[in-house]
Amino acid sequence: MNIYWDSFKTFFHIGIFTLGGGYAMIPLIEEEVVNKKQWVSHEEFLDLIAIAQSCPGVFAINISIFIGYKLRKIRGAIATALGTALPSFLIILMIAMFFHRFEDNPVVAAIFRGIRPAVVALIAVPTFNLAKSAKISWVNCWIPVAGALLIWLLGVSPIYIILAAGIGGYVYSKYIKPTE
């Protein structure tokens, strides 16, 4: 099968059946591209997630572009990006066309209230899986907790947290880890 069509179709399928945005897509993307199709290894996937999170733009698009580029360079990146973005675009277009008819409907409001806990779970599961894969233990679990608290309680910009984590990771791998 044509790799461009296969990658487009894969990411279109993920995009159309995922509620909650890019982070909720992580388990589906991992299942498809790592486990089923084996386009990237688990370690590469974790690296791609880290890079996609630190790049500006929509997370799901970023990760799809990186995977598509790995598969077939620019054309692969275009195919996967279109596959990821097109379902959301079409759904939002349809909602915009018909939402005024349903905006005050209590059934629609109840459906959206019911979806929220599922979205939280879809985001929480990959977060814990990433923590396990990143070998976060009791010794270093303070790092993400401290970052979250700095953002939440003190209003520190996430950009500063990302920069500090990057510098800390570089210093650790360059100067501390070789001596362990």
N, C-alpha and C. Protein backbone atom coordinates (compact mmCIF):
# COMPACT_ATOMS: atom_id res chain seq x y z
N MET A 1 0.84 -1.19 0.00
CA MET A 1 0.00 0.00 0.00
C MET A 1 0.89 1.25 0.00
N ASN A 2 0.43 2.29 -0.61
CA ASN A 2 1.15 3.54 -0.68
C ASN A 2 1.35 4.09 0.75
N ILE A 3 2.60 4.36 1.12
CA ILE A 3 2.91 4.82 2.48
C ILE A 3 2.28 6.17 2.78
N TYR A 4 2.15 7.03 1.76
CA TYR A 4 1.54 8.33 1.98
C TYR A 4 0.06 8.17 2.32
N TRP A 5 -0.62 7.34 1.57
CA TRP A 5 -2.04 7.10 1.82
C TRP A 5 -2.23 6.40 3.17
N ASP A 6 -1.37 5.44 3.45
CA ASP A 6 -1.47 4.69 4.71
C ASP A 6 -1.24 5.63 5.91
N SER A 7 -0.24 6.49 5.82
CA SER A 7 0.03 7.41 6.94
C SER A 7 -1.09 8.44 7.07
N PHE A 8 -1.59 8.96 5.94
CA PHE A 8 -2.72 9.89 5.99
C PHE A 8 -3.92 9.23 6.64
N LYS A 9 -4.24 8.03 6.18
CA LYS A 9 -5.40 7.31 6.68
C LYS A 9 -5.26 6.99 8.18
N THR A 10 -4.08 6.61 8.59
CA THR A 10 -3.83 6.30 10.00
C THR A 10 -4.08 7.53 10.87
N PHE A 11 -3.51 8.66 10.50
CA PHE A 11 -3.66 9.86 11.31
C PHE A 11 -5.06 10.47 11.18
N PHE A 12 -5.71 10.29 10.04
CA PHE A 12 -7.09 10.73 9.89
C PHE A 12 -7.99 9.94 10.84
N HIS A 13 -7.76 8.64 10.89
CA HIS A 13 -8.54 7.77 11.78
C HIS A 13 -8.33 8.17 13.23
N ILE A 14 -7.10 8.42 13.61
CA ILE A 14 -6.80 8.85 14.98
C ILE A 14 -7.47 10.20 15.26
N GLY A 15 -7.38 11.11 14.32
CA GLY A 15 -7.94 12.44 14.49
C GLY A 15 -9.46 12.46 14.59
N ILE A 16 -10.11 11.61 13.85
CA ILE A 16 -11.57 11.64 13.83
C ILE A 16 -12.18 10.96 15.06
N PHE A 17 -11.46 10.04 15.68
CA PHE A 17 -12.02 9.30 16.80
C PHE A 17 -11.43 9.67 18.15
N THR A 18 -10.72 10.79 18.23
CA THR A 18 -10.12 11.20 19.49
C THR A 18 -10.76 12.49 19.98
N LEU A 19 -11.26 12.46 21.20
CA LEU A 19 -11.78 13.66 21.85
C LEU A 19 -10.74 14.13 22.86
N GLY A 20 -10.54 15.43 22.94
CA GLY A 20 -9.67 15.95 23.97
C GLY A 20 -8.36 16.52 23.49
N GLY A 21 -8.12 16.53 22.21
CA GLY A 21 -6.91 17.17 21.70
C GLY A 21 -5.72 16.26 21.63
N GLY A 22 -4.55 16.89 21.41
CA GLY A 22 -3.32 16.17 21.15
C GLY A 22 -2.87 15.21 22.22
N TYR A 23 -2.98 15.61 23.48
CA TYR A 23 -2.51 14.73 24.55
C TYR A 23 -3.40 13.49 24.68
N ALA A 24 -4.66 13.65 24.37
CA ALA A 24 -5.56 12.49 24.40
C ALA A 24 -5.25 11.54 23.24
N MET A 25 -4.58 12.04 22.21
CA MET A 25 -4.22 11.21 21.06
C MET A 25 -3.00 10.34 21.30
N ILE A 26 -2.21 10.66 22.31
CA ILE A 26 -0.94 9.95 22.51
C ILE A 26 -1.11 8.43 22.57
N PRO A 27 -2.04 7.89 23.37
CA PRO A 27 -2.13 6.43 23.40
C PRO A 27 -2.54 5.83 22.05
N LEU A 28 -3.39 6.53 21.31
CA LEU A 28 -3.80 6.01 20.00
C LEU A 28 -2.66 6.08 18.99
N ILE A 29 -1.93 7.19 19.01
CA ILE A 29 -0.79 7.32 18.10
C ILE A 29 0.26 6.26 18.43
N GLU A 30 0.53 6.09 19.72
CA GLU A 30 1.51 5.08 20.14
C GLU A 30 1.09 3.68 19.69
N GLU A 31 -0.18 3.35 19.90
CA GLU A 31 -0.66 2.03 19.51
C GLU A 31 -0.49 1.80 18.01
N GLU A 32 -0.82 2.81 17.21
CA GLU A 32 -0.76 2.66 15.75
C GLU A 32 0.67 2.67 15.22
N VAL A 33 1.44 3.72 15.57
CA VAL A 33 2.74 3.91 14.91
C VAL A 33 3.88 3.14 15.58
N VAL A 34 3.72 2.80 16.86
CA VAL A 34 4.78 2.05 17.55
C VAL A 34 4.45 0.56 17.57
N ASN A 35 3.26 0.21 18.05
CA ASN A 35 2.93 -1.20 18.25
C ASN A 35 2.46 -1.90 16.97
N LYS A 36 1.51 -1.30 16.26
CA LYS A 36 0.94 -1.98 15.09
C LYS A 36 1.82 -1.84 13.85
N LYS A 37 2.11 -0.61 13.47
CA LYS A 37 2.81 -0.39 12.20
C LYS A 37 4.33 -0.38 12.35
N GLN A 38 4.81 -0.18 13.57
CA GLN A 38 6.24 -0.16 13.89
C GLN A 38 7.02 0.82 13.01
N TRP A 39 6.43 2.01 12.83
CA TRP A 39 7.10 3.05 12.07
C TRP A 39 8.21 3.69 12.90
N VAL A 40 8.04 3.74 14.22
CA VAL A 40 9.07 4.26 15.12
C VAL A 40 9.14 3.34 16.33
N SER A 41 10.30 3.34 16.98
CA SER A 41 10.45 2.54 18.19
C SER A 41 9.84 3.29 19.37
N HIS A 42 9.69 2.59 20.48
CA HIS A 42 9.12 3.21 21.68
C HIS A 42 10.01 4.36 22.17
N GLU A 43 11.32 4.17 22.12
CA GLU A 43 12.24 5.21 22.56
C GLU A 43 12.17 6.42 21.65
N GLU A 44 12.09 6.18 20.32
CA GLU A 44 11.95 7.30 19.39
C GLU A 44 10.64 8.04 19.63
N PHE A 45 9.60 7.29 19.92
CA PHE A 45 8.30 7.91 20.17
C PHE A 45 8.36 8.82 21.39
N LEU A 46 9.01 8.39 22.45
CA LEU A 46 9.15 9.23 23.64
C LEU A 46 9.94 10.50 23.31
N ASP A 47 10.99 10.36 22.51
CA ASP A 47 11.75 11.53 22.09
C ASP A 47 10.90 12.48 21.25
N LEU A 48 10.10 11.91 20.34
CA LEU A 48 9.23 12.73 19.50
C LEU A 48 8.19 13.47 20.34
N ILE A 49 7.68 12.83 21.38
CA ILE A 49 6.71 13.50 22.26
C ILE A 49 7.37 14.68 22.94
N ALA A 50 8.59 14.47 23.45
CA ALA A 50 9.30 15.56 24.13
C ALA A 50 9.55 16.73 23.17
N ILE A 51 9.96 16.42 21.95
CA ILE A 51 10.22 17.48 20.98
C ILE A 51 8.93 18.17 20.58
N ALA A 52 7.88 17.40 20.33
CA ALA A 52 6.59 17.98 19.92
C ALA A 52 6.02 18.88 21.01
N GLN A 53 6.23 18.51 22.28
CA GLN A 53 5.73 19.33 23.38
C GLN A 53 6.47 20.65 23.48
N SER A 54 7.74 20.64 23.14
CA SER A 54 8.53 21.86 23.30
C SER A 54 8.47 22.77 22.09
N CYS A 55 7.88 22.32 21.00
CA CYS A 55 7.75 23.16 19.80
C CYS A 55 6.45 23.95 19.85
N PRO A 56 6.48 25.15 19.29
CA PRO A 56 5.22 25.91 19.24
C PRO A 56 4.24 25.24 18.27
N GLY A 57 2.98 25.43 18.53
CA GLY A 57 1.97 24.88 17.65
C GLY A 57 1.17 23.78 18.32
N VAL A 58 0.31 23.18 17.55
CA VAL A 58 -0.60 22.15 18.04
C VAL A 58 0.19 20.86 18.22
N PHE A 59 0.09 20.28 19.41
CA PHE A 59 0.87 19.08 19.74
C PHE A 59 0.62 17.94 18.76
N ALA A 60 -0.64 17.64 18.47
CA ALA A 60 -0.97 16.51 17.58
C ALA A 60 -0.39 16.71 16.19
N ILE A 61 -0.45 17.94 15.69
CA ILE A 61 0.13 18.23 14.38
C ILE A 61 1.64 18.07 14.43
N ASN A 62 2.26 18.60 15.50
CA ASN A 62 3.72 18.50 15.63
C ASN A 62 4.18 17.05 15.60
N ILE A 63 3.56 16.21 16.41
CA ILE A 63 4.01 14.82 16.48
C ILE A 63 3.74 14.09 15.16
N SER A 64 2.62 14.40 14.51
CA SER A 64 2.33 13.75 13.23
C SER A 64 3.34 14.18 12.18
N ILE A 65 3.73 15.44 12.20
CA ILE A 65 4.73 15.93 11.24
C ILE A 65 6.06 15.22 11.47
N PHE A 66 6.47 15.08 12.72
CA PHE A 66 7.74 14.41 13.00
C PHE A 66 7.72 12.96 12.54
N ILE A 67 6.62 12.27 12.78
CA ILE A 67 6.52 10.87 12.36
C ILE A 67 6.48 10.78 10.84
N GLY A 68 5.68 11.65 10.20
CA GLY A 68 5.62 11.65 8.73
C GLY A 68 6.96 11.97 8.11
N TYR A 69 7.69 12.92 8.70
CA TYR A 69 9.00 13.27 8.17
C TYR A 69 9.98 12.10 8.30
N LYS A 70 9.90 11.39 9.40
CA LYS A 70 10.76 10.22 9.58
C LYS A 70 10.45 9.16 8.53
N LEU A 71 9.16 9.02 8.20
CA LEU A 71 8.77 8.01 7.22
C LEU A 71 9.21 8.37 5.80
N ARG A 72 8.83 9.57 5.35
CA ARG A 72 9.05 9.94 3.95
C ARG A 72 9.35 11.43 3.77
N LYS A 73 10.11 11.99 4.66
CA LYS A 73 10.56 13.38 4.58
C LYS A 73 9.38 14.35 4.43
N ILE A 74 9.50 15.35 3.55
CA ILE A 74 8.50 16.42 3.45
C ILE A 74 7.13 15.89 3.04
N ARG A 75 7.07 15.04 2.04
CA ARG A 75 5.77 14.52 1.59
C ARG A 75 5.10 13.69 2.68
N GLY A 76 5.86 12.93 3.41
CA GLY A 76 5.30 12.16 4.52
C GLY A 76 4.77 13.08 5.62
N ALA A 77 5.52 14.16 5.90
CA ALA A 77 5.07 15.12 6.91
C ALA A 77 3.78 15.80 6.48
N ILE A 78 3.66 16.12 5.21
CA ILE A 78 2.43 16.75 4.70
C ILE A 78 1.26 15.78 4.81
N ALA A 79 1.48 14.53 4.45
CA ALA A 79 0.41 13.53 4.50
C ALA A 79 -0.09 13.33 5.93
N THR A 80 0.82 13.20 6.88
CA THR A 80 0.39 12.97 8.25
C THR A 80 -0.22 14.21 8.87
N ALA A 81 0.31 15.38 8.55
CA ALA A 81 -0.26 16.62 9.07
C ALA A 81 -1.68 16.83 8.56
N LEU A 82 -1.89 16.60 7.27
CA LEU A 82 -3.25 16.71 6.72
C LEU A 82 -4.18 15.68 7.34
N GLY A 83 -3.69 14.47 7.52
CA GLY A 83 -4.50 13.43 8.13
C GLY A 83 -4.91 13.78 9.55
N THR A 84 -4.05 14.46 10.28
CA THR A 84 -4.35 14.85 11.65
C THR A 84 -5.29 16.05 11.71
N ALA A 85 -5.04 17.04 10.86
CA ALA A 85 -5.80 18.30 10.93
C ALA A 85 -7.17 18.23 10.26
N LEU A 86 -7.29 17.47 9.21
CA LEU A 86 -8.53 17.47 8.43
C LEU A 86 -9.76 17.04 9.24
N PRO A 87 -9.72 16.00 10.05
CA PRO A 87 -10.92 15.64 10.82
C PRO A 87 -11.40 16.78 11.73
N SER A 88 -10.48 17.40 12.45
CA SER A 88 -10.86 18.50 13.34
C SER A 88 -11.45 19.65 12.55
N PHE A 89 -10.83 19.97 11.43
CA PHE A 89 -11.33 21.06 10.60
C PHE A 89 -12.74 20.77 10.12
N LEU A 90 -12.98 19.57 9.64
CA LEU A 90 -14.31 19.22 9.14
C LEU A 90 -15.35 19.19 10.26
N ILE A 91 -14.98 18.66 11.41
CA ILE A 91 -15.91 18.61 12.54
C ILE A 91 -16.25 20.02 13.02
N ILE A 92 -15.25 20.87 13.17
CA ILE A 92 -15.49 22.25 13.61
C ILE A 92 -16.33 22.99 12.57
N LEU A 93 -16.08 22.75 11.31
CA LEU A 93 -16.88 23.38 10.26
C LEU A 93 -18.35 22.96 10.37
N MET A 94 -18.58 21.68 10.57
CA MET A 94 -19.96 21.20 10.72
C MET A 94 -20.61 21.76 11.98
N ILE A 95 -19.87 21.80 13.07
CA ILE A 95 -20.42 22.35 14.31
C ILE A 95 -20.77 23.82 14.12
N ALA A 96 -19.88 24.56 13.47
CA ALA A 96 -20.14 25.98 13.24
C ALA A 96 -21.38 26.19 12.39
N MET A 97 -21.61 25.30 11.46
CA MET A 97 -22.77 25.43 10.58
C MET A 97 -24.08 25.14 11.31
N PHE A 98 -24.04 24.22 12.29
CA PHE A 98 -25.28 23.77 12.92
C PHE A 98 -25.41 24.05 14.41
N PHE A 99 -24.38 24.62 15.04
CA PHE A 99 -24.38 24.76 16.49
C PHE A 99 -25.51 25.66 17.00
N HIS A 100 -25.82 26.70 16.27
CA HIS A 100 -26.85 27.62 16.74
C HIS A 100 -28.18 26.92 16.98
N ARG A 101 -28.40 25.80 16.31
CA ARG A 101 -29.64 25.04 16.50
C ARG A 101 -29.64 24.24 17.81
N PHE A 102 -28.45 23.91 18.32
CA PHE A 102 -28.34 23.00 19.46
C PHE A 102 -27.71 23.62 20.70
N GLU A 103 -27.30 24.87 20.65
CA GLU A 103 -26.53 25.43 21.75
C GLU A 103 -27.27 25.45 23.09
N ASP A 104 -28.57 25.53 23.07
CA ASP A 104 -29.35 25.56 24.31
C ASP A 104 -29.99 24.21 24.64
N ASN A 105 -29.65 23.19 23.93
CA ASN A 105 -30.23 21.86 24.13
C ASN A 105 -29.61 21.21 25.37
N PRO A 106 -30.41 20.84 26.36
CA PRO A 106 -29.86 20.22 27.58
C PRO A 106 -29.19 18.87 27.32
N VAL A 107 -29.64 18.14 26.32
CA VAL A 107 -29.02 16.85 26.01
C VAL A 107 -27.60 17.06 25.50
N VAL A 108 -27.41 18.05 24.63
CA VAL A 108 -26.07 18.35 24.11
C VAL A 108 -25.16 18.80 25.25
N ALA A 109 -25.66 19.64 26.14
CA ALA A 109 -24.87 20.10 27.29
C ALA A 109 -24.49 18.92 28.18
N ALA A 110 -25.42 17.99 28.38
CA ALA A 110 -25.14 16.81 29.21
C ALA A 110 -24.09 15.91 28.56
N ILE A 111 -24.15 15.78 27.25
CA ILE A 111 -23.14 14.98 26.54
C ILE A 111 -21.75 15.57 26.75
N PHE A 112 -21.63 16.89 26.61
CA PHE A 112 -20.32 17.51 26.80
C PHE A 112 -19.84 17.39 28.25
N ARG A 113 -20.74 17.48 29.22
CA ARG A 113 -20.35 17.27 30.62
C ARG A 113 -19.88 15.83 30.85
N GLY A 114 -20.50 14.89 30.17
CA GLY A 114 -20.11 13.48 30.30
C GLY A 114 -18.78 13.16 29.65
N ILE A 115 -18.42 13.90 28.62
CA ILE A 115 -17.17 13.66 27.91
C ILE A 115 -15.97 14.13 28.73
N ARG A 116 -16.13 15.15 29.53
CA ARG A 116 -15.00 15.74 30.27
C ARG A 116 -14.19 14.73 31.08
N PRO A 117 -14.81 13.87 31.92
CA PRO A 117 -13.99 12.92 32.69
C PRO A 117 -13.21 11.95 31.79
N ALA A 118 -13.79 11.56 30.67
CA ALA A 118 -13.08 10.67 29.76
C ALA A 118 -11.86 11.36 29.17
N VAL A 119 -11.99 12.62 28.86
CA VAL A 119 -10.86 13.38 28.31
C VAL A 119 -9.76 13.50 29.35
N VAL A 120 -10.12 13.75 30.60
CA VAL A 120 -9.12 13.82 31.67
C VAL A 120 -8.36 12.49 31.77
N ALA A 121 -9.07 11.38 31.70
CA ALA A 121 -8.42 10.07 31.76
C ALA A 121 -7.53 9.85 30.55
N LEU A 122 -7.99 10.26 29.37
CA LEU A 122 -7.17 10.09 28.16
C LEU A 122 -5.89 10.90 28.23
N ILE A 123 -5.89 11.99 28.96
CA ILE A 123 -4.68 12.79 29.11
C ILE A 123 -3.82 12.25 30.26
N ALA A 124 -4.44 11.75 31.33
CA ALA A 124 -3.70 11.26 32.49
C ALA A 124 -2.92 9.99 32.18
N VAL A 125 -3.51 9.06 31.43
CA VAL A 125 -2.86 7.78 31.16
C VAL A 125 -1.51 7.96 30.45
N PRO A 126 -1.43 8.73 29.35
CA PRO A 126 -0.11 8.89 28.73
C PRO A 126 0.88 9.64 29.62
N THR A 127 0.37 10.52 30.48
CA THR A 127 1.27 11.23 31.39
C THR A 127 1.95 10.23 32.33
N PHE A 128 1.19 9.31 32.90
CA PHE A 128 1.78 8.31 33.80
C PHE A 128 2.67 7.33 33.02
N ASN A 129 2.27 6.98 31.81
CA ASN A 129 3.11 6.09 30.99
C ASN A 129 4.42 6.76 30.63
N LEU A 130 4.39 8.05 30.30
CA LEU A 130 5.62 8.78 30.02
C LEU A 130 6.51 8.84 31.25
N ALA A 131 5.90 9.04 32.42
CA ALA A 131 6.67 9.09 33.66
C ALA A 131 7.37 7.76 33.91
N LYS A 132 6.67 6.65 33.66
CA LYS A 132 7.30 5.34 33.84
C LYS A 132 8.43 5.14 32.83
N SER A 133 8.19 5.50 31.57
CA SER A 133 9.19 5.31 30.53
C SER A 133 10.40 6.22 30.73
N ALA A 134 10.15 7.40 31.30
CA ALA A 134 11.24 8.34 31.56
C ALA A 134 12.02 7.99 32.82
N LYS A 135 11.63 6.89 33.46
CA LYS A 135 12.28 6.41 34.67
C LYS A 135 12.23 7.45 35.79
N ILE A 136 11.06 8.08 35.94
CA ILE A 136 10.87 9.00 37.05
C ILE A 136 10.63 8.15 38.29
N SER A 137 11.45 8.38 39.30
CA SER A 137 11.36 7.61 40.54
C SER A 137 11.11 8.57 41.70
N TRP A 138 11.11 8.02 42.91
CA TRP A 138 10.92 8.87 44.08
C TRP A 138 12.06 9.85 44.26
N VAL A 139 13.22 9.53 43.70
CA VAL A 139 14.38 10.41 43.83
C VAL A 139 14.19 11.68 43.00
N ASN A 140 13.64 11.54 41.79
CA ASN A 140 13.53 12.70 40.91
C ASN A 140 12.10 13.11 40.58
N CYS A 141 11.12 12.58 41.29
CA CYS A 141 9.72 12.94 41.01
C CYS A 141 9.42 14.38 41.42
N TRP A 142 10.29 14.98 42.19
CA TRP A 142 10.09 16.36 42.61
C TRP A 142 10.18 17.32 41.43
N ILE A 143 10.86 16.93 40.36
CA ILE A 143 11.08 17.85 39.24
C ILE A 143 9.76 18.23 38.55
N PRO A 144 8.94 17.26 38.07
CA PRO A 144 7.68 17.67 37.45
C PRO A 144 6.71 18.30 38.44
N VAL A 145 6.75 17.83 39.70
CA VAL A 145 5.87 18.40 40.72
C VAL A 145 6.26 19.87 40.96
N ALA A 146 7.54 20.13 41.10
CA ALA A 146 8.00 21.51 41.31
C ALA A 146 7.65 22.39 40.11
N GLY A 147 7.82 21.86 38.91
CA GLY A 147 7.46 22.62 37.71
C GLY A 147 5.98 22.97 37.68
N ALA A 148 5.14 21.99 37.98
CA ALA A 148 3.69 22.22 37.99
C ALA A 148 3.31 23.25 39.05
N LEU A 149 3.91 23.13 40.24
CA LEU A 149 3.59 24.07 41.32
C LEU A 149 4.07 25.49 40.99
N LEU A 150 5.24 25.61 40.38
CA LEU A 150 5.73 26.93 39.99
C LEU A 150 4.79 27.60 38.99
N ILE A 151 4.29 26.82 38.05
CA ILE A 151 3.36 27.36 37.05
C ILE A 151 2.03 27.71 37.71
N TRP A 152 1.50 26.80 38.51
CA TRP A 152 0.17 26.96 39.07
C TRP A 152 0.11 28.00 40.19
N LEU A 153 1.01 27.89 41.17
CA LEU A 153 0.94 28.76 42.34
C LEU A 153 1.61 30.11 42.14
N LEU A 154 2.75 30.12 41.47
CA LEU A 154 3.51 31.37 41.34
C LEU A 154 3.34 32.03 39.98
N GLY A 155 2.67 31.35 39.05
CA GLY A 155 2.44 31.96 37.74
C GLY A 155 3.68 32.05 36.87
N VAL A 156 4.68 31.18 37.13
CA VAL A 156 5.90 31.18 36.32
C VAL A 156 5.53 30.69 34.91
N SER A 157 6.09 31.34 33.93
CA SER A 157 5.81 30.97 32.54
C SER A 157 6.35 29.57 32.26
N PRO A 158 5.56 28.74 31.58
CA PRO A 158 6.05 27.39 31.22
C PRO A 158 7.32 27.43 30.37
N ILE A 159 7.52 28.51 29.67
CA ILE A 159 8.74 28.64 28.85
C ILE A 159 9.98 28.59 29.74
N TYR A 160 9.93 29.28 30.88
CA TYR A 160 11.06 29.26 31.80
C TYR A 160 11.28 27.86 32.40
N ILE A 161 10.19 27.15 32.65
CA ILE A 161 10.29 25.79 33.18
C ILE A 161 10.95 24.89 32.13
N ILE A 162 10.53 25.02 30.88
CA ILE A 162 11.10 24.20 29.80
C ILE A 162 12.58 24.52 29.63
N LEU A 163 12.91 25.81 29.63
CA LEU A 163 14.33 26.19 29.49
C LEU A 163 15.16 25.67 30.66
N ALA A 164 14.66 25.81 31.87
CA ALA A 164 15.40 25.33 33.06
C ALA A 164 15.56 23.81 32.99
N ALA A 165 14.50 23.10 32.58
CA ALA A 165 14.59 21.64 32.48
C ALA A 165 15.59 21.23 31.40
N GLY A 166 15.59 21.93 30.29
CA GLY A 166 16.56 21.64 29.22
C GLY A 166 17.99 21.87 29.67
N ILE A 167 18.22 22.99 30.33
CA ILE A 167 19.57 23.29 30.83
C ILE A 167 19.96 22.27 31.90
N GLY A 168 19.02 21.97 32.81
CA GLY A 168 19.31 20.98 33.85
C GLY A 168 19.61 19.61 33.27
N GLY A 169 18.85 19.19 32.26
CA GLY A 169 19.10 17.91 31.60
C GLY A 169 20.45 17.88 30.91
N TYR A 170 20.82 18.97 30.28
CA TYR A 170 22.12 19.05 29.61
C TYR A 170 23.25 18.97 30.63
N VAL A 171 23.15 19.76 31.69
CA VAL A 171 24.19 19.74 32.74
C VAL A 171 24.30 18.36 33.36
N TYR A 172 23.15 17.74 33.64
CA TYR A 172 23.16 16.41 34.24
C TYR A 172 23.83 15.40 33.31
N SER A 173 23.45 15.39 32.04
CA SER A 173 24.02 14.39 31.13
C SER A 173 25.47 14.66 30.78
N LYS A 174 25.87 15.90 30.82
CA LYS A 174 27.23 16.25 30.43
C LYS A 174 28.23 16.13 31.60
N TYR A 175 27.81 16.52 32.79
CA TYR A 175 28.75 16.61 33.90
C TYR A 175 28.48 15.66 35.07
N ILE A 176 27.23 15.34 35.34
CA ILE A 176 26.91 14.54 36.52
C ILE A 176 26.80 13.06 36.20
N LYS A 177 26.03 12.72 35.17
CA LYS A 177 25.79 11.32 34.85
C LYS A 177 27.07 10.55 34.50
N PRO A 178 28.02 11.14 33.76
CA PRO A 178 29.25 10.37 33.47
C PRO A 178 30.03 9.97 34.71
N THR A 179 29.86 10.69 35.83
CA THR A 179 30.61 10.36 37.04
C THR A 179 29.87 9.38 37.93
N GLU A 180 28.56 9.09 37.60
CA GLU A 180 27.80 8.16 38.44
C GLU A 180 28.24 6.73 38.23
